[in-house]
């Protein structure tokens, strides 16, 4: 079976898609040498992120083994993780720096 997702670091909450997926399609990726799957619950574009586990509102989201932001709403496993439900740590830091200089 071919993979259509890449888990960058073992601690990540998301997988990056190498192909677009439709709701109901399986996303396959390798975790600890084992072929693993999560079912997409919505259409997700190529190169975007899919949650591989439930992520509660307010929880930090990991990619690259690092925190990339915080969930602004609950994200179910198989859900699309993007700007509509993820507040980027980078943007939050930039916003805070701007406020501190005003």
Protein backbone atom coordinates (compact mmCIF):
# COMPACT_ATOMS: atom_id res chain seq x y z
CA UNK A 1 0.00 0.00 0.00
CA UNK A 2 1.35 3.45 -0.94
CA UNK A 3 1.44 6.33 1.50
CA UNK A 4 -0.27 9.63 0.79
CA UNK A 5 0.78 11.38 3.97
CA UNK A 6 4.03 12.19 5.73
CA UNK A 7 4.50 12.15 9.48
CA UNK A 8 7.53 14.38 9.96
CA UNK A 9 8.18 13.65 13.67
CA UNK A 10 6.88 10.91 15.95
CA UNK A 11 5.36 13.45 18.37
CA UNK A 12 3.36 15.28 15.67
CA UNK A 13 -0.43 15.58 15.89
CA UNK A 14 -0.73 16.08 12.12
CA UNK A 15 0.35 14.47 8.87
CA UNK A 16 1.09 16.42 5.68
CA UNK A 17 -0.79 15.16 2.62
CA UNK A 18 1.18 14.39 -0.54
CA UNK A 19 -2.06 14.16 -2.54
CA UNK A 20 -5.50 15.74 -2.07
CA UNK A 21 -8.07 13.55 -0.28
CA UNK A 22 -11.85 13.44 -0.24
CA UNK A 23 -13.97 12.81 2.83
CA UNK A 24 -14.04 9.07 3.56
CA UNK A 25 -10.68 8.34 1.93
CA UNK A 26 -7.85 6.78 3.93
CA UNK A 27 -4.66 8.70 4.54
CA UNK A 28 -1.76 6.30 5.03
CA UNK A 29 1.55 7.20 6.62
CA UNK A 30 4.43 5.57 8.46
CA UNK A 31 4.63 5.84 12.29
CA UNK A 32 7.48 4.01 14.04
CA UNK A 33 8.01 1.83 10.97
CA UNK A 34 4.35 0.76 10.83
CA UNK A 35 1.93 1.68 8.05
CA UNK A 36 -0.85 3.64 9.79
CA UNK A 37 -4.15 5.10 8.55
CA UNK A 38 -6.61 7.81 9.45
CA UNK A 39 -9.84 8.42 7.53
CA UNK A 40 -10.39 11.94 6.23
CA UNK A 41 -13.67 13.39 7.51
CA UNK A 42 -13.63 16.23 4.99
CA UNK A 43 -11.99 17.11 1.69
CA UNK A 44 -8.41 18.29 2.27
CA UNK A 45 -6.10 19.84 -0.34
CA UNK A 46 -2.68 18.49 -1.25
CA UNK A 47 0.16 19.59 1.05
CA UNK A 48 -2.24 20.54 3.85
CA UNK A 49 -2.41 18.98 7.30
CA UNK A 50 -4.77 16.29 8.61
CA UNK A 51 -5.20 15.56 12.32
CA UNK A 52 -4.16 12.02 13.24
CA UNK A 53 -5.84 12.25 16.65
CA UNK A 54 -8.53 14.34 18.30
CA UNK A 55 -7.18 17.78 19.22
CA UNK A 56 -9.17 19.68 21.83
CA UNK A 57 -9.83 23.41 21.69
CA UNK A 58 -6.90 25.29 23.22
CA UNK A 59 -4.47 22.40 22.82
CA UNK A 60 -1.05 23.07 21.32
CA UNK A 61 -0.58 21.39 17.92
CA UNK A 62 2.73 19.76 17.02
CA UNK A 63 4.37 19.44 13.58
CA UNK A 64 8.11 19.02 12.92
CA UNK A 65 8.30 17.90 16.56
CA UNK A 66 7.56 21.51 17.56
CA UNK A 67 4.48 23.48 18.57
CA UNK A 68 3.14 25.27 15.52
CA UNK A 69 0.07 26.79 17.13
CA UNK A 70 -3.09 26.24 19.10
CA UNK A 71 -6.45 24.75 18.15
CA UNK A 72 -9.11 27.49 18.20
CA UNK A 73 -11.84 24.84 18.04
CA UNK A 74 -12.06 21.07 18.54
CA UNK A 75 -10.47 19.16 15.64
CA UNK A 76 -11.48 15.53 15.21
CA UNK A 77 -9.06 12.89 13.97
CA UNK A 78 -9.25 13.01 10.17
CA UNK A 79 -10.06 16.73 10.14
CA UNK A 80 -8.34 19.41 8.11
CA UNK A 81 -5.94 21.50 10.21
CA UNK A 82 -5.53 24.97 8.73
CA UNK A 83 -6.08 28.68 9.43
CA UNK A 84 -9.80 28.17 10.17
CA UNK A 85 -9.05 26.09 13.28
CA UNK A 86 -5.35 26.75 14.04
CA UNK A 87 -3.88 29.94 15.45
CA UNK A 88 -0.25 29.94 14.39
CA UNK A 89 2.37 30.42 17.10
CA UNK A 90 4.32 32.52 14.61
CA UNK A 91 1.42 34.92 14.06
CA UNK A 92 0.70 35.15 17.79
CA UNK A 93 4.35 36.04 18.49
CA UNK A 94 4.31 38.69 15.75
CA UNK A 95 1.06 40.17 17.08
CA UNK A 96 2.45 40.31 20.63
CA UNK A 97 5.66 41.99 19.45
CA UNK A 98 3.62 44.61 17.56
CA UNK A 99 1.47 45.34 20.63
CA UNK A 100 4.55 45.71 22.83
CA UNK A 101 6.03 48.37 20.54
CA UNK A 102 2.85 50.49 20.46
